[in-house]
């Protein structure tokens, strides 16, 4: 029994020694070069995702603009094209590449947006100027001309490409 009394404090001393601290990772040396490398990797991943999406839709006759917007006009209109400052009447459905629907106009209604002077996605603004009244198009809008690093803080997550079904129904001068 005496041995137990002498051994017990020894166990307590050994067991209550200095706690081991978790090893902290070295902070990343974040500089312009690292930032550029990170952004490039994000853009490459997004480009691969868009390419895979389009490979699964070989019947889409998509053309790409210099900004990275992809547009396929599947129904040609005969009206005029909007210019900056015009009010475009549009119907739309916005989804993510995985098919998750984010927004859409109500059936039979349209939304009015001022071309190049509204908070509408840059990619949609670009597409509107390429369309004529009556056109219906599918857009693939990369995140850098959609909602970017933050998403829309509601239904569109950060860094997500969008698939937008867009119909230009009219123009008001």
C-alpha atoms as a PDB file:
ATOM      1  CA  UNK A   1       0.000   0.000   0.000  1.00  0.00           C
ATOM      2  CA  UNK A   2       2.883   2.349   0.753  1.00  0.00           C
ATOM      3  CA  UNK A   3       4.259   1.815  -2.730  1.00  0.00           C
ATOM      4  CA  UNK A   4       0.929   2.941  -4.146  1.00  0.00           C
ATOM      5  CA  UNK A   5       1.082   6.152  -2.096  1.00  0.00           C
ATOM      6  CA  UNK A   6       4.564   6.918  -3.493  1.00  0.00           C
ATOM      7  CA  UNK A   7       3.749   5.899  -7.055  1.00  0.00           C
ATOM      8  CA  UNK A   8       0.462   7.851  -7.289  1.00  0.00           C
ATOM      9  CA  UNK A   9       2.116  11.314  -6.977  1.00  0.00           C
ATOM     10  CA  UNK A  10       4.669  10.239  -9.590  1.00  0.00           C
ATOM     11  CA  UNK A  11       1.869   9.430 -12.057  1.00  0.00           C
ATOM     12  CA  UNK A  12       0.200  12.744 -11.300  1.00  0.00           C
ATOM     13  CA  UNK A  13       3.413  14.672 -11.915  1.00  0.00           C
ATOM     14  CA  UNK A  14       4.124  12.879 -15.174  1.00  0.00           C
ATOM     15  CA  UNK A  15       0.517  13.060 -16.356  1.00  0.00           C
ATOM     16  CA  UNK A  16       0.113  16.743 -15.537  1.00  0.00           C
ATOM     17  CA  UNK A  17       3.241  17.849 -17.294  1.00  0.00           C
ATOM     18  CA  UNK A  18       3.259  20.610 -19.848  1.00  0.00           C
ATOM     19  CA  UNK A  19       0.528  20.110 -22.397  1.00  0.00           C
ATOM     20  CA  UNK A  20       1.717  19.585 -25.925  1.00  0.00           C
ATOM     21  CA  UNK A  21       0.778  22.534 -28.087  1.00  0.00           C
ATOM     22  CA  UNK A  22      -0.508  21.919 -31.598  1.00  0.00           C
ATOM     23  CA  UNK A  23       2.020  22.691 -34.257  1.00  0.00           C
ATOM     24  CA  UNK A  24       1.055  25.867 -36.061  1.00  0.00           C
ATOM     25  CA  UNK A  25       1.410  26.024 -39.810  1.00  0.00           C
ATOM     26  CA  UNK A  26       3.685  28.656 -41.168  1.00  0.00           C
ATOM     27  CA  UNK A  27       1.685  31.552 -42.556  1.00  0.00           C
ATOM     28  CA  UNK A  28       1.586  31.633 -46.326  1.00  0.00           C
ATOM     29  CA  UNK A  29       3.705  34.331 -47.870  1.00  0.00           C
ATOM     30  CA  UNK A  30       0.802  35.998 -49.673  1.00  0.00           C
ATOM     31  CA  UNK A  31       2.077  38.341 -52.321  1.00  0.00           C
ATOM     32  CA  UNK A  32       1.111  39.418 -55.815  1.00  0.00           C
ATOM     33  CA  UNK A  33       2.707  36.330 -57.345  1.00  0.00           C
ATOM     34  CA  UNK A  34       0.866  33.937 -54.982  1.00  0.00           C
ATOM     35  CA  UNK A  35      -2.397  35.812 -55.535  1.00  0.00           C
ATOM     36  CA  UNK A  36      -1.954  35.600 -59.296  1.00  0.00           C
ATOM     37  CA  UNK A  37      -1.172  31.877 -59.080  1.00  0.00           C
ATOM     38  CA  UNK A  38      -4.253  31.267 -56.912  1.00  0.00           C
ATOM     39  CA  UNK A  39      -6.534  33.235 -59.274  1.00  0.00           C
ATOM     40  CA  UNK A  40      -5.129  31.386 -62.274  1.00  0.00           C
ATOM     41  CA  UNK A  41      -5.870  28.010 -60.658  1.00  0.00           C
ATOM     42  CA  UNK A  42      -9.463  29.106 -59.912  1.00  0.00           C
ATOM     43  CA  UNK A  43      -9.937  30.294 -63.507  1.00  0.00           C
ATOM     44  CA  UNK A  44      -8.511  27.045 -64.909  1.00  0.00           C
ATOM     45  CA  UNK A  45     -10.860  24.939 -62.750  1.00  0.00           C
ATOM     46  CA  UNK A  46     -13.836  27.031 -63.794  1.00  0.00           C
ATOM     47  CA  UNK A  47     -12.857  26.741 -67.480  1.00  0.00           C
ATOM     48  CA  UNK A  48     -12.645  22.924 -67.113  1.00  0.00           C
ATOM     49  CA  UNK A  49     -16.080  22.839 -65.449  1.00  0.00           C
ATOM     50  CA  UNK A  50     -17.597  24.900 -68.261  1.00  0.00           C
ATOM     51  CA  UNK A  51     -15.895  22.740 -70.910  1.00  0.00           C
ATOM     52  CA  UNK A  52     -17.261  19.541 -69.325  1.00  0.00           C
ATOM     53  CA  UNK A  53     -20.721  21.105 -69.144  1.00  0.00           C
ATOM     54  CA  UNK A  54     -20.599  21.984 -72.852  1.00  0.00           C
ATOM     55  CA  UNK A  55     -19.193  18.582 -73.872  1.00  0.00           C
ATOM     56  CA  UNK A  56     -22.373  17.065 -72.451  1.00  0.00           C
ATOM     57  CA  UNK A  57     -24.401  19.312 -74.782  1.00  0.00           C
ATOM     58  CA  UNK A  58     -22.894  18.753 -78.247  1.00  0.00           C
ATOM     59  CA  UNK A  59     -25.987  20.135 -79.982  1.00  0.00           C
ATOM     60  CA  UNK A  60     -25.427  23.623 -78.532  1.00  0.00           C
ATOM     61  CA  UNK A  61     -23.797  25.843 -81.171  1.00  0.00           C
ATOM     62  CA  UNK A  62     -21.937  28.000 -78.670  1.00  0.00           C
ATOM     63  CA  UNK A  63     -19.600  30.843 -79.521  1.00  0.00           C
ATOM     64  CA  UNK A  64     -17.255  32.455 -77.035  1.00  0.00           C
ATOM     65  CA  UNK A  65     -16.611  36.171 -76.720  1.00  0.00           C
ATOM     66  CA  UNK A  66     -13.346  37.759 -75.627  1.00  0.00           C
ATOM     67  CA  UNK A  67     -14.596  38.086 -72.042  1.00  0.00           C
ATOM     68  CA  UNK A  68     -15.289  34.353 -71.725  1.00  0.00           C
ATOM     69  CA  UNK A  69     -19.066  34.627 -72.162  1.00  0.00           C
ATOM     70  CA  UNK A  70     -20.476  31.696 -74.136  1.00  0.00           C
ATOM     71  CA  UNK A  71     -23.681  32.330 -76.063  1.00  0.00           C
ATOM     72  CA  UNK A  72     -25.942  30.093 -78.127  1.00  0.00           C
ATOM     73  CA  UNK A  73     -28.882  31.719 -79.882  1.00  0.00           C
ATOM     74  CA  UNK A  74     -31.326  28.874 -80.324  1.00  0.00           C
ATOM     75  CA  UNK A  75     -34.124  31.087 -81.630  1.00  0.00           C
ATOM     76  CA  UNK A  76     -33.423  34.028 -83.909  1.00  0.00           C
ATOM     77  CA  UNK A  77     -35.488  37.188 -83.620  1.00  0.00           C
ATOM     78  CA  UNK A  78     -36.019  39.859 -86.231  1.00  0.00           C
ATOM     79  CA  UNK A  79     -36.073  43.026 -84.168  1.00  0.00           C
ATOM     80  CA  UNK A  80     -33.447  45.605 -83.412  1.00  0.00           C
ATOM     81  CA  UNK A  81     -30.564  45.236 -80.978  1.00  0.00           C
ATOM     82  CA  UNK A  82     -30.443  47.269 -77.776  1.00  0.00           C
ATOM     83  CA  UNK A  83     -27.763  49.896 -77.312  1.00  0.00           C
ATOM     84  CA  UNK A  84     -26.379  51.308 -74.057  1.00  0.00           C
ATOM     85  CA  UNK A  85     -29.048  53.353 -72.308  1.00  0.00           C
ATOM     86  CA  UNK A  86     -31.998  51.473 -73.858  1.00  0.00           C
ATOM     87  CA  UNK A  87     -34.386  49.633 -71.564  1.00  0.00           C
ATOM     88  CA  UNK A  88     -34.446  45.951 -72.490  1.00  0.00           C
ATOM     89  CA  UNK A  89     -37.479  43.847 -71.674  1.00  0.00           C
ATOM     90  CA  UNK A  90     -36.246  40.378 -70.782  1.00  0.00           C
ATOM     91  CA  UNK A  91     -37.399  37.009 -69.533  1.00  0.00           C
ATOM     92  CA  UNK A  92     -34.807  34.762 -67.921  1.00  0.00           C
ATOM     93  CA  UNK A  93     -34.008  31.682 -65.898  1.00  0.00           C
ATOM     94  CA  UNK A  94     -30.709  31.601 -64.009  1.00  0.00           C
ATOM     95  CA  UNK A  95     -29.188  28.276 -62.911  1.00  0.00           C
ATOM     96  CA  UNK A  96     -25.838  26.944 -61.762  1.00  0.00           C
ATOM     97  CA  UNK A  97     -23.909  24.461 -63.930  1.00  0.00           C
ATOM     98  CA  UNK A  98     -25.251  21.624 -61.760  1.00  0.00           C
ATOM     99  CA  UNK A  99     -28.829  22.582 -62.668  1.00  0.00           C
ATOM    100  CA  UNK A 100     -29.756  24.314 -59.406  1.00  0.00           C
ATOM    101  CA  UNK A 101     -32.276  27.003 -60.305  1.00  0.00           C
ATOM    102  CA  UNK A 102     -31.529  30.356 -58.676  1.00  0.00           C
ATOM    103  CA  UNK A 103     -33.930  32.866 -60.216  1.00  0.00           C
ATOM    104  CA  UNK A 104     -36.457  33.216 -63.002  1.00  0.00           C
ATOM    105  CA  UNK A 105     -39.046  35.674 -64.188  1.00  0.00           C
ATOM    106  CA  UNK A 106     -42.644  34.747 -63.574  1.00  0.00           C
ATOM    107  CA  UNK A 107     -44.482  33.128 -66.464  1.00  0.00           C
ATOM    108  CA  UNK A 108     -45.943  35.789 -68.763  1.00  0.00           C
ATOM    109  CA  UNK A 109     -44.000  38.657 -67.176  1.00  0.00           C
ATOM    110  CA  UNK A 110     -40.776  40.384 -68.106  1.00  0.00           C
ATOM    111  CA  UNK A 111     -38.186  42.452 -66.299  1.00  0.00           C
ATOM    112  CA  UNK A 112     -36.978  45.799 -67.567  1.00  0.00           C
ATOM    113  CA  UNK A 113     -33.264  46.600 -67.318  1.00  0.00           C
ATOM    114  CA  UNK A 114     -31.271  49.537 -68.579  1.00  0.00           C
ATOM    115  CA  UNK A 115     -28.513  48.263 -70.858  1.00  0.00           C
ATOM    116  CA  UNK A 116     -25.042  49.008 -69.430  1.00  0.00           C
ATOM    117  CA  UNK A 117     -26.549  51.076 -66.607  1.00  0.00           C
ATOM    118  CA  UNK A 118     -28.010  48.520 -64.187  1.00  0.00           C
ATOM    119  CA  UNK A 119     -26.731  46.046 -61.629  1.00  0.00           C
ATOM    120  CA  UNK A 120     -27.389  43.155 -64.007  1.00  0.00           C
ATOM    121  CA  UNK A 121     -24.456  40.776 -64.443  1.00  0.00           C
ATOM    122  CA  UNK A 122     -21.760  42.062 -66.800  1.00  0.00           C
ATOM    123  CA  UNK A 123     -22.062  38.900 -68.885  1.00  0.00           C
ATOM    124  CA  UNK A 124     -25.795  39.420 -69.390  1.00  0.00           C
ATOM    125  CA  UNK A 125     -25.223  43.065 -70.317  1.00  0.00           C
ATOM    126  CA  UNK A 126     -22.723  41.907 -72.941  1.00  0.00           C
ATOM    127  CA  UNK A 127     -25.137  39.276 -74.279  1.00  0.00           C
ATOM    128  CA  UNK A 128     -28.012  41.759 -74.592  1.00  0.00           C
ATOM    129  CA  UNK A 129     -25.947  43.909 -76.961  1.00  0.00           C
ATOM    130  CA  UNK A 130     -25.398  40.813 -79.149  1.00  0.00           C
ATOM    131  CA  UNK A 131     -29.104  39.980 -79.317  1.00  0.00           C
ATOM    132  CA  UNK A 132     -32.105  41.221 -81.304  1.00  0.00           C
ATOM    133  CA  UNK A 133     -35.695  41.508 -80.122  1.00  0.00           C
ATOM    134  CA  UNK A 134     -37.176  38.016 -80.340  1.00  0.00           C
ATOM    135  CA  UNK A 135     -33.861  36.199 -79.785  1.00  0.00           C
ATOM    136  CA  UNK A 136     -33.747  33.407 -77.247  1.00  0.00           C
ATOM    137  CA  UNK A 137     -30.313  32.353 -76.056  1.00  0.00           C
ATOM    138  CA  UNK A 138     -28.476  30.170 -73.597  1.00  0.00           C
ATOM    139  CA  UNK A 139     -25.585  31.910 -71.864  1.00  0.00           C
ATOM    140  CA  UNK A 140     -22.737  30.381 -69.921  1.00  0.00           C
ATOM    141  CA  UNK A 141     -21.468  33.209 -67.746  1.00  0.00           C
ATOM    142  CA  UNK A 142     -18.162  32.617 -65.916  1.00  0.00           C
ATOM    143  CA  UNK A 143     -18.015  33.947 -62.354  1.00  0.00           C
ATOM    144  CA  UNK A 144     -15.711  36.869 -63.214  1.00  0.00           C
ATOM    145  CA  UNK A 145     -18.497  38.420 -65.339  1.00  0.00           C
ATOM    146  CA  UNK A 146     -21.305  37.149 -63.103  1.00  0.00           C
ATOM    147  CA  UNK A 147     -21.190  37.499 -59.317  1.00  0.00           C
ATOM    148  CA  UNK A 148     -17.497  36.804 -58.702  1.00  0.00           C
ATOM    149  CA  UNK A 149     -15.887  36.210 -55.327  1.00  0.00           C
ATOM    150  CA  UNK A 150     -18.971  36.928 -53.215  1.00  0.00           C
ATOM    151  CA  UNK A 151     -21.835  35.455 -55.186  1.00  0.00           C
ATOM    152  CA  UNK A 152     -25.019  37.479 -54.816  1.00  0.00           C
ATOM    153  CA  UNK A 153     -25.130  36.901 -51.039  1.00  0.00           C
ATOM    154  CA  UNK A 154     -28.457  35.107 -51.540  1.00  0.00           C
ATOM    155  CA  UNK A 155     -28.955  32.212 -53.968  1.00  0.00           C
ATOM    156  CA  UNK A 156     -25.796  32.335 -56.073  1.00  0.00           C
ATOM    157  CA  UNK A 157     -22.691  31.040 -54.265  1.00  0.00           C
ATOM    158  CA  UNK A 158     -19.236  32.592 -54.677  1.00  0.00           C
ATOM    159  CA  UNK A 159     -17.139  31.724 -57.735  1.00  0.00           C
ATOM    160  CA  UNK A 160     -19.939  29.978 -59.632  1.00  0.00           C
ATOM    161  CA  UNK A 161     -20.563  30.006 -63.367  1.00  0.00           C
ATOM    162  CA  UNK A 162     -24.149  30.589 -64.411  1.00  0.00           C
ATOM    163  CA  UNK A 163     -26.347  29.117 -67.123  1.00  0.00           C
ATOM    164  CA  UNK A 164     -28.872  31.731 -68.167  1.00  0.00           C
ATOM    165  CA  UNK A 165     -31.779  31.158 -70.502  1.00  0.00           C
ATOM    166  CA  UNK A 166     -32.436  34.676 -71.818  1.00  0.00           C
ATOM    167  CA  UNK A 167     -35.183  36.014 -74.054  1.00  0.00           C
ATOM    168  CA  UNK A 168     -35.171  39.607 -75.332  1.00  0.00           C
ATOM    169  CA  UNK A 169     -38.861  40.494 -75.697  1.00  0.00           C
ATOM    170  CA  UNK A 170     -38.632  44.217 -76.415  1.00  0.00           C
ATOM    171  CA  UNK A 171     -36.762  47.508 -76.213  1.00  0.00           C
ATOM    172  CA  UNK A 172     -37.819  50.923 -74.936  1.00  0.00           C
ATOM    173  CA  UNK A 173     -35.747  53.914 -76.060  1.00  0.00           C
END
